[in-house]
N, C-alpha and C. Protein backbone atom coordinates (compact mmCIF):
# COMPACT_ATOMS: atom_id res chain seq x y z
N MET A 1 118.56 102.49 7.20
CA MET A 1 119.97 102.61 8.15
C MET A 1 119.98 101.57 9.08
N GLU A 2 120.97 100.92 8.98
CA GLU A 2 121.19 99.70 9.83
C GLU A 2 122.33 99.89 10.84
N LEU A 3 122.17 99.56 12.04
CA LEU A 3 123.06 99.78 13.11
C LEU A 3 123.99 98.48 13.22
N LYS A 4 125.38 98.75 13.04
CA LYS A 4 126.13 97.56 13.01
C LYS A 4 126.82 97.54 14.36
N LEU A 5 126.90 96.52 15.02
CA LEU A 5 127.55 96.29 16.23
C LEU A 5 129.00 96.19 16.14
N THR A 6 129.75 97.26 16.15
CA THR A 6 131.18 97.18 15.99
C THR A 6 131.49 97.42 17.48
N LYS A 7 132.89 97.04 17.40
CA LYS A 7 133.64 97.41 18.89
C LYS A 7 133.54 98.77 19.52
N ASN A 8 133.51 99.60 18.62
CA ASN A 8 133.48 101.11 19.08
C ASN A 8 131.99 101.50 19.34
N ASN A 9 130.99 100.82 18.78
CA ASN A 9 129.57 101.10 19.12
C ASN A 9 129.24 100.60 20.48
N VAL A 10 129.86 99.23 20.85
CA VAL A 10 129.52 98.58 21.92
C VAL A 10 130.13 99.21 23.07
N ILE A 11 131.38 99.89 22.97
CA ILE A 11 131.99 100.56 23.98
C ILE A 11 131.17 102.00 24.25
N ILE A 12 130.60 102.60 23.14
CA ILE A 12 130.05 103.80 23.43
C ILE A 12 128.93 103.48 24.21
N ILE A 13 127.94 102.34 23.99
CA ILE A 13 126.86 102.11 24.57
C ILE A 13 127.20 101.67 26.13
N ILE A 14 128.17 100.94 26.41
CA ILE A 14 128.55 100.63 27.78
C ILE A 14 128.79 101.85 28.50
N ILE A 15 129.57 102.86 28.04
CA ILE A 15 129.96 104.11 28.57
C ILE A 15 128.70 104.96 28.73
N PHE A 16 127.91 104.95 28.07
CA PHE A 16 126.62 105.66 27.96
C PHE A 16 125.69 105.13 29.12
N LEU A 17 125.71 103.80 29.32
CA LEU A 17 124.90 103.19 30.51
C LEU A 17 125.50 103.39 31.76
N ILE A 18 126.75 103.28 31.83
CA ILE A 18 127.73 103.36 33.09
C ILE A 18 127.39 104.98 33.62
N VAL A 19 127.42 105.81 32.55
CA VAL A 19 127.12 107.36 33.02
C VAL A 19 125.77 107.46 33.42
N LEU A 20 124.62 106.97 32.78
CA LEU A 20 123.45 106.97 33.23
C LEU A 20 123.14 106.54 34.59
N PHE A 21 123.60 105.21 34.80
CA PHE A 21 123.54 104.76 36.22
C PHE A 21 124.26 105.43 37.31
N SER A 22 125.36 106.07 37.08
CA SER A 22 125.85 106.71 37.85
C SER A 22 125.24 108.13 38.32
N GLY A 23 124.82 108.66 37.29
CA GLY A 23 123.99 109.76 37.34
C GLY A 23 122.81 109.60 38.36
N LEU A 24 122.11 108.47 38.16
CA LEU A 24 120.88 108.07 38.90
C LEU A 24 121.18 107.93 40.27
N ILE A 25 122.37 107.16 40.67
CA ILE A 25 122.67 106.86 41.71
C ILE A 25 123.18 108.18 42.73
N LEU A 26 123.99 109.08 42.13
CA LEU A 26 124.36 110.26 42.63
C LEU A 26 123.07 111.15 43.03
N TYR A 27 122.11 111.18 42.04
CA TYR A 27 121.03 111.95 42.18
C TYR A 27 120.08 111.55 43.44
N ASN A 28 120.11 109.98 43.67
CA ASN A 28 119.31 109.65 44.90
C ASN A 28 120.05 110.08 46.14
N TYR A 29 121.57 109.82 46.07
CA TYR A 29 122.25 110.11 47.33
C TYR A 29 122.16 111.58 47.57
N ARG A 30 122.00 112.47 46.77
CA ARG A 30 122.08 113.92 47.08
C ARG A 30 120.68 114.50 47.48
N GLN A 31 119.59 113.76 47.20
CA GLN A 31 118.25 114.23 47.65
C GLN A 31 118.25 113.90 49.42
N PRO A 32 117.74 115.11 50.11
CA PRO A 32 117.75 115.00 51.54
C PRO A 32 116.77 113.85 51.76
N LYS A 33 116.91 113.14 52.74
CA LYS A 33 115.81 112.10 53.27
C LYS A 33 115.05 112.94 54.19
N PRO A 34 113.78 112.69 54.12
CA PRO A 34 112.66 113.50 55.03
C PRO A 34 112.82 112.73 56.30
N MET A 35 112.87 113.45 57.41
CA MET A 35 113.02 113.15 58.80
C MET A 35 111.52 112.51 59.13
N VAL A 36 111.59 111.27 59.47
CA VAL A 36 110.59 110.50 59.94
C VAL A 36 110.46 110.62 61.30
N GLU A 37 109.38 111.18 61.98
CA GLU A 37 109.29 111.18 63.46
C GLU A 37 108.98 110.02 64.04
N GLU A 38 109.65 109.33 64.72
CA GLU A 38 109.40 108.09 65.40
C GLU A 38 108.33 108.23 66.45
N LYS A 39 107.22 107.44 66.29
CA LYS A 39 106.22 107.58 67.48
C LYS A 39 106.49 106.37 68.37
N THR A 40 106.60 106.54 69.62
CA THR A 40 106.66 105.62 70.49
C THR A 40 105.45 104.69 70.57
N LYS A 41 105.55 103.40 70.46
CA LYS A 41 104.60 102.73 70.64
C LYS A 41 104.35 102.08 71.93
N ILE A 42 103.08 102.02 72.52
CA ILE A 42 102.73 101.59 73.95
C ILE A 42 101.94 100.45 73.44
N SER A 43 102.27 99.33 74.18
CA SER A 43 101.79 98.09 73.75
C SER A 43 101.56 97.20 75.18
N LEU A 44 100.52 96.19 75.14
CA LEU A 44 100.15 95.59 76.14
C LEU A 44 101.29 94.51 76.34
N VAL A 45 101.57 94.41 77.60
CA VAL A 45 102.78 93.31 78.04
C VAL A 45 102.02 91.80 77.96
N THR A 46 102.81 91.14 77.26
CA THR A 46 102.17 89.63 76.97
C THR A 46 103.20 88.53 77.60
N ASP A 47 104.51 88.95 78.06
CA ASP A 47 105.48 88.14 78.32
C ASP A 47 105.22 87.93 79.81
N TYR A 48 104.72 86.76 80.27
CA TYR A 48 104.65 86.41 81.52
C TYR A 48 105.70 86.61 82.63
N GLY A 49 106.79 86.34 82.04
CA GLY A 49 107.83 86.56 82.95
C GLY A 49 108.31 87.90 83.47
N ARG A 50 108.19 88.66 82.33
CA ARG A 50 108.46 90.25 82.54
C ARG A 50 107.30 90.76 83.18
N PHE A 51 106.00 90.34 83.12
CA PHE A 51 104.87 90.91 83.79
C PHE A 51 105.10 90.55 85.31
N PHE A 52 105.41 89.35 85.60
CA PHE A 52 105.49 89.07 87.11
C PHE A 52 106.75 89.59 87.73
N SER A 53 107.84 89.85 86.92
CA SER A 53 108.98 90.52 87.57
C SER A 53 108.85 91.93 87.94
N ILE A 54 107.94 92.65 86.99
CA ILE A 54 107.65 94.13 87.25
C ILE A 54 106.61 94.19 88.39
N SER A 55 105.66 93.36 88.35
CA SER A 55 104.73 93.01 89.55
C SER A 55 105.53 92.99 90.89
N ASN A 56 106.48 92.19 90.90
CA ASN A 56 107.22 91.78 92.27
C ASN A 56 108.09 93.39 92.64
N ALA A 57 108.42 94.24 91.51
CA ALA A 57 109.02 95.42 91.76
C ALA A 57 107.97 96.30 92.43
N ALA A 58 106.80 96.12 91.86
CA ALA A 58 105.68 97.05 92.44
C ALA A 58 105.31 96.57 93.88
N ASN A 59 105.36 95.45 94.09
CA ASN A 59 105.00 95.01 95.45
C ASN A 59 106.24 95.39 96.41
N LYS A 60 107.39 95.51 96.06
CA LYS A 60 108.44 95.75 96.91
C LYS A 60 108.10 97.25 97.29
N TYR A 61 107.86 98.02 96.21
CA TYR A 61 107.56 99.39 96.41
C TYR A 61 106.40 99.70 97.49
N ILE A 62 105.29 98.81 97.35
CA ILE A 62 104.09 98.91 98.36
C ILE A 62 104.52 98.58 99.69
N SER A 63 105.56 97.58 99.82
CA SER A 63 106.01 96.93 101.08
C SER A 63 106.95 97.99 101.62
N TYR A 64 107.83 99.05 100.99
CA TYR A 64 108.43 100.13 101.45
C TYR A 64 107.57 101.14 101.86
N LEU A 65 106.54 101.45 101.09
CA LEU A 65 105.53 102.41 101.44
C LEU A 65 104.70 101.94 102.76
N ASN A 66 104.29 100.65 102.86
CA ASN A 66 103.55 100.30 104.05
C ASN A 66 104.33 100.42 105.26
N ASN A 67 105.70 100.25 105.22
CA ASN A 67 106.62 100.17 106.28
C ASN A 67 107.17 101.51 106.66
N GLN A 68 106.89 102.46 105.62
CA GLN A 68 107.43 103.84 105.66
C GLN A 68 109.09 103.78 105.69
N ASP A 69 109.54 103.03 105.04
CA ASP A 69 110.98 102.93 104.81
C ASP A 69 111.48 103.95 104.09
N ILE A 70 111.79 104.95 104.68
CA ILE A 70 112.27 106.26 104.01
C ILE A 70 113.62 106.09 103.10
N ASN A 71 114.57 105.26 103.64
CA ASN A 71 115.82 105.10 102.82
C ASN A 71 115.53 104.48 101.45
N ASN A 72 114.75 103.32 101.52
CA ASN A 72 114.33 102.63 100.44
C ASN A 72 113.54 103.27 99.54
N LEU A 73 112.65 103.86 100.03
CA LEU A 73 111.61 104.83 99.19
C LEU A 73 112.36 106.07 98.49
N ILE A 74 113.37 106.46 99.01
CA ILE A 74 114.13 107.55 98.29
C ILE A 74 114.91 106.94 97.23
N LEU A 75 115.47 105.68 97.47
CA LEU A 75 116.15 104.82 96.37
C LEU A 75 115.32 104.45 95.13
N LEU A 76 114.03 104.17 95.50
CA LEU A 76 113.18 103.63 94.54
C LEU A 76 112.42 104.75 93.62
N LEU A 77 112.13 105.82 94.27
CA LEU A 77 111.37 106.83 93.60
C LEU A 77 112.22 107.32 92.39
N ASN A 78 111.69 107.47 91.31
CA ASN A 78 112.09 108.17 89.94
C ASN A 78 112.65 109.46 90.42
N SER A 79 113.98 109.70 89.87
CA SER A 79 114.73 111.01 90.18
C SER A 79 114.00 112.36 89.57
N LYS A 80 113.30 112.18 88.50
CA LYS A 80 112.57 113.29 88.02
C LYS A 80 111.38 113.73 88.76
N TYR A 81 110.70 112.44 89.28
CA TYR A 81 109.51 112.77 90.23
C TYR A 81 109.93 113.35 91.48
N LYS A 82 110.90 113.01 92.02
CA LYS A 82 111.52 113.55 93.17
C LYS A 82 111.97 115.01 93.00
N GLU A 83 112.47 115.31 91.89
CA GLU A 83 113.01 116.70 91.62
C GLU A 83 111.75 117.63 91.38
N LYS A 84 110.90 117.11 90.49
CA LYS A 84 109.47 117.84 90.28
C LYS A 84 108.68 118.18 91.53
N ASN A 85 108.68 117.17 92.30
CA ASN A 85 108.00 117.34 93.62
C ASN A 85 108.70 117.77 94.85
N ASN A 86 110.17 118.22 94.66
CA ASN A 86 110.77 118.66 95.69
C ASN A 86 110.90 117.61 96.99
N ILE A 87 111.14 116.34 96.48
CA ILE A 87 110.98 115.30 97.51
C ILE A 87 112.62 114.92 98.15
N ASN A 88 112.59 114.91 99.34
CA ASN A 88 113.86 114.51 100.00
C ASN A 88 113.67 113.68 101.08
N SER A 89 114.64 113.32 101.74
CA SER A 89 114.33 112.18 102.81
C SER A 89 113.61 113.02 104.09
N ASP A 90 113.47 114.18 104.20
CA ASP A 90 112.94 114.80 105.37
C ASP A 90 111.42 114.91 105.08
N ASN A 91 110.95 115.04 103.69
CA ASN A 91 109.68 115.29 103.53
C ASN A 91 108.87 114.11 102.80
N ILE A 92 109.60 113.17 102.44
CA ILE A 92 109.12 112.17 101.60
C ILE A 92 107.75 111.53 101.94
N LEU A 93 107.63 111.42 103.36
CA LEU A 93 106.42 110.87 103.76
C LEU A 93 105.20 111.71 103.73
N HIS A 94 105.47 112.86 103.47
CA HIS A 94 104.29 113.78 103.43
C HIS A 94 103.88 114.23 102.01
N ASN A 95 104.84 113.71 100.99
CA ASN A 95 104.60 113.96 99.63
C ASN A 95 103.96 112.56 99.02
N LEU A 96 103.97 111.56 99.63
CA LEU A 96 103.33 110.19 99.21
C LEU A 96 102.21 109.89 99.90
N THR A 97 101.27 109.14 99.11
CA THR A 97 100.01 108.62 99.66
C THR A 97 100.41 107.46 100.61
N LEU A 98 100.26 107.63 101.88
CA LEU A 98 100.78 106.60 102.75
C LEU A 98 99.58 105.65 102.95
N LEU A 99 100.16 104.38 103.47
CA LEU A 99 99.03 103.23 103.78
C LEU A 99 99.16 103.06 105.24
N ASP A 100 98.07 102.62 105.74
CA ASP A 100 98.03 102.17 107.07
C ASP A 100 98.92 101.26 107.47
N THR A 101 99.93 101.78 108.57
CA THR A 101 100.84 100.95 109.11
C THR A 101 100.41 99.63 109.68
N GLU A 102 99.15 99.64 110.29
CA GLU A 102 98.60 98.59 111.15
C GLU A 102 98.15 97.64 110.27
N LYS A 103 98.16 97.76 109.02
CA LYS A 103 97.77 96.74 108.07
C LYS A 103 98.70 96.28 107.04
N GLU A 104 98.59 95.18 106.51
CA GLU A 104 99.79 94.67 105.32
C GLU A 104 98.92 94.76 104.19
N TYR A 105 99.51 95.28 103.23
CA TYR A 105 98.88 95.56 101.97
C TYR A 105 99.81 94.69 100.82
N ILE A 106 99.01 94.18 99.86
CA ILE A 106 99.70 93.60 98.86
C ILE A 106 99.00 94.20 97.38
N PHE A 107 99.98 94.28 96.43
CA PHE A 107 99.57 94.77 95.23
C PHE A 107 99.42 93.67 94.05
N GLU A 108 98.35 93.47 93.37
CA GLU A 108 98.15 92.52 92.52
C GLU A 108 97.86 93.30 90.95
N ALA A 109 98.82 93.09 90.07
CA ALA A 109 98.88 93.68 88.94
C ALA A 109 97.77 93.07 88.09
N ARG A 110 97.14 93.77 87.44
CA ARG A 110 96.01 93.18 86.50
C ARG A 110 96.22 93.49 84.99
N LYS A 111 96.89 94.66 84.76
CA LYS A 111 97.16 95.06 83.33
C LYS A 111 98.32 95.82 83.23
N MET A 112 99.07 95.56 82.21
CA MET A 112 100.33 96.50 81.93
C MET A 112 100.73 96.63 80.76
N TYR A 113 101.03 97.88 80.52
CA TYR A 113 101.67 98.36 79.07
C TYR A 113 103.20 98.70 79.18
N ASN A 114 103.74 98.50 78.11
CA ASN A 114 105.15 98.84 78.19
C ASN A 114 105.41 99.86 76.94
N GLU A 115 106.48 100.79 77.16
CA GLU A 115 106.85 101.86 76.14
C GLU A 115 108.36 101.78 76.07
N LYS A 116 108.95 101.77 74.96
CA LYS A 116 110.28 101.73 74.85
C LYS A 116 110.70 103.04 74.84
N ILE A 117 111.44 103.94 76.01
CA ILE A 117 111.87 105.11 76.06
C ILE A 117 112.95 105.27 75.31
N ASN A 118 114.15 104.63 75.42
CA ASN A 118 115.35 104.50 74.64
C ASN A 118 115.91 103.11 74.70
N LYS A 119 117.06 103.11 74.03
CA LYS A 119 117.49 101.59 74.02
C LYS A 119 117.81 100.93 75.16
N ASN A 120 117.84 101.83 76.31
CA ASN A 120 118.18 101.03 77.73
C ASN A 120 117.02 101.11 78.65
N ILE A 121 116.03 101.94 78.27
CA ILE A 121 114.83 102.15 79.29
C ILE A 121 113.63 101.63 78.82
N ILE A 122 112.97 100.77 79.40
CA ILE A 122 111.46 100.48 79.10
C ILE A 122 110.57 101.01 80.19
N ARG A 123 109.61 101.75 80.07
CA ARG A 123 108.69 102.13 80.84
C ARG A 123 107.43 101.24 80.91
N TYR A 124 106.81 100.86 82.14
CA TYR A 124 105.75 99.97 82.37
C TYR A 124 105.03 100.82 83.16
N TYR A 125 103.46 100.86 82.48
CA TYR A 125 102.35 101.54 83.27
C TYR A 125 101.52 100.29 83.66
N ILE A 126 101.45 100.21 85.12
CA ILE A 126 100.76 99.28 85.82
C ILE A 126 99.42 99.52 86.48
N TYR A 127 98.42 98.57 86.09
CA TYR A 127 97.15 98.84 86.76
C TYR A 127 96.88 97.74 87.50
N GLY A 128 96.49 97.85 88.92
CA GLY A 128 96.22 96.52 89.62
C GLY A 128 95.47 96.98 90.86
N TYR A 129 95.09 96.04 91.68
CA TYR A 129 94.48 96.17 92.90
C TYR A 129 95.34 96.22 94.08
N LEU A 130 95.25 97.20 95.13
CA LEU A 130 95.86 97.30 96.24
C LEU A 130 94.72 96.66 97.34
N SER A 131 95.12 95.79 97.86
CA SER A 131 94.40 95.18 99.03
C SER A 131 94.88 94.81 100.11
N GLU A 132 94.22 94.68 101.38
CA GLU A 132 94.72 94.21 102.58
C GLU A 132 94.87 92.72 102.60
N ASN A 133 96.04 92.37 103.09
CA ASN A 133 96.36 91.04 103.23
C ASN A 133 95.91 90.43 104.37
N VAL A 134 94.66 89.89 104.41
CA VAL A 134 94.12 89.17 105.56
C VAL A 134 93.50 87.79 105.11
N MET A 135 93.24 86.76 105.97
CA MET A 135 93.02 85.41 105.59
C MET A 135 91.52 85.37 105.62
N ASP A 136 90.81 85.73 106.50
CA ASP A 136 89.29 85.26 106.51
C ASP A 136 88.45 86.31 106.07
N GLU A 137 88.81 87.41 105.60
CA GLU A 137 87.95 88.50 105.53
C GLU A 137 88.13 89.07 104.19
N TYR A 138 87.10 89.75 103.34
CA TYR A 138 87.13 90.21 102.21
C TYR A 138 87.13 91.55 102.20
N PHE A 139 88.06 92.41 101.67
CA PHE A 139 87.92 93.70 101.61
C PHE A 139 88.23 94.33 100.10
N ARG A 140 87.24 95.14 99.71
CA ARG A 140 87.07 95.55 98.38
C ARG A 140 88.56 96.16 97.99
N PRO A 141 89.14 95.60 97.00
CA PRO A 141 90.67 96.19 96.59
C PRO A 141 90.33 97.59 95.88
N GLU A 142 91.32 98.47 96.10
CA GLU A 142 91.30 99.59 95.40
C GLU A 142 92.08 99.74 94.18
N ASP A 143 91.70 100.33 93.09
CA ASP A 143 92.51 100.51 91.99
C ASP A 143 93.80 101.28 92.21
N TYR A 144 94.95 100.79 91.85
CA TYR A 144 96.16 101.42 92.00
C TYR A 144 97.10 101.39 90.90
N TYR A 145 97.61 102.45 90.66
CA TYR A 145 98.45 102.64 89.28
C TYR A 145 99.98 102.95 89.69
N LEU A 146 101.04 102.44 89.04
CA LEU A 146 102.25 102.95 89.22
C LEU A 146 102.81 102.94 87.77
N ILE A 147 103.86 103.79 87.73
CA ILE A 147 104.92 103.56 86.53
C ILE A 147 106.23 103.00 87.11
N ILE A 148 106.82 102.20 86.30
CA ILE A 148 108.11 101.33 86.47
C ILE A 148 108.89 101.65 85.39
N ASP A 149 110.05 102.28 85.57
CA ASP A 149 111.05 102.34 84.56
C ASP A 149 112.21 101.37 84.95
N LEU A 150 112.38 100.40 83.74
CA LEU A 150 113.31 99.50 83.86
C LEU A 150 114.55 99.62 83.21
N ASP A 151 115.77 99.71 83.74
CA ASP A 151 117.02 99.85 82.95
C ASP A 151 117.52 98.52 82.56
N ILE A 152 117.38 98.00 81.24
CA ILE A 152 117.59 96.60 80.90
C ILE A 152 118.98 96.32 80.94
N ASN A 153 119.98 97.29 80.89
CA ASN A 153 121.40 97.14 80.90
C ASN A 153 121.79 96.63 82.31
N ASN A 154 121.37 97.56 83.17
CA ASN A 154 121.91 97.41 84.72
C ASN A 154 120.85 96.66 85.43
N LEU A 155 119.66 96.23 84.84
CA LEU A 155 118.70 95.62 85.74
C LEU A 155 118.25 96.42 86.98
N ILE A 156 118.21 97.64 86.95
CA ILE A 156 117.40 98.35 88.11
C ILE A 156 116.38 99.15 87.59
N PHE A 157 115.63 99.44 88.61
CA PHE A 157 114.14 100.21 88.29
C PHE A 157 113.98 101.24 89.21
N ASP A 158 113.15 102.10 88.71
CA ASP A 158 112.52 103.11 89.77
C ASP A 158 111.07 103.31 89.40
N VAL A 159 110.42 103.82 90.35
CA VAL A 159 109.11 103.74 90.54
C VAL A 159 108.51 105.19 90.61
N THR A 160 107.35 105.57 89.91
CA THR A 160 106.78 106.56 89.85
C THR A 160 105.14 106.36 90.30
N PRO A 161 104.64 107.23 91.35
CA PRO A 161 103.24 107.11 91.61
C PRO A 161 102.47 107.77 90.34
N TYR A 162 101.24 107.33 90.09
CA TYR A 162 100.64 107.58 88.80
C TYR A 162 99.10 107.50 89.00
N ASN A 163 98.49 108.38 87.93
CA ASN A 163 97.20 108.70 88.18
C ASN A 163 96.28 107.66 87.42
N GLY A 164 97.09 106.84 86.59
CA GLY A 164 96.25 105.83 85.72
C GLY A 164 95.63 106.23 84.50
N LYS A 165 95.81 107.54 84.00
CA LYS A 165 95.39 108.13 82.75
C LYS A 165 95.29 107.08 81.63
N ILE A 166 96.44 106.50 81.38
CA ILE A 166 96.57 105.56 80.26
C ILE A 166 95.34 104.58 80.24
N PHE A 167 95.19 104.04 81.37
CA PHE A 167 94.09 102.89 81.70
C PHE A 167 92.72 103.53 81.70
N LYS A 168 92.57 104.64 82.06
CA LYS A 168 91.38 105.33 81.99
C LYS A 168 90.92 105.69 80.52
N GLU A 169 91.73 106.02 79.67
CA GLU A 169 91.45 106.35 78.43
C GLU A 169 91.19 105.09 77.57
N ASP A 170 91.64 104.04 78.09
CA ASP A 170 91.35 102.69 77.66
C ASP A 170 92.12 102.53 76.09
N ILE A 171 93.30 102.31 76.15
CA ILE A 171 93.95 102.17 74.87
C ILE A 171 93.49 100.95 74.16
N ASN A 172 93.30 100.96 72.86
CA ASN A 172 92.93 99.91 72.16
C ASN A 172 94.07 99.62 71.15
N GLU A 173 94.36 98.30 71.20
CA GLU A 173 95.61 97.88 70.45
C GLU A 173 95.16 97.77 68.93
């Protein structure tokens, strides 16, 4: 038995292929897609410009803390942190670890991680040294940790005091 390619046979084969491919396409679209839980990735900051910009933001916070500038501290502190710890302008100095106002302090960032919270907010986990700013003497710097959330659309930031857990666990890339 020999199959002849007539006009009718070709049309039937083409219709069969169209129906077959249409069925496969519809089958794929009707299958529910599994929800993939997106895990946020925390990575080491390697962009020097961003590193020093965030370091300067941390120094601004340290300066306000050192000067006990209540108005600016209230503005800089993360709103969730203030809410969680019931911080307001009347009790802010009692809820933060204050620095000696007789001395001037500087913060030197040593390591920084970032985490994308959403499309507008990037969270920076910062580890650095808090030391007295003196000319001729050496004082052993203290380890100091902060979290800075940066709103990249509005270019504003807020600060959250931090215990340094992410650095103490020593994240490996």
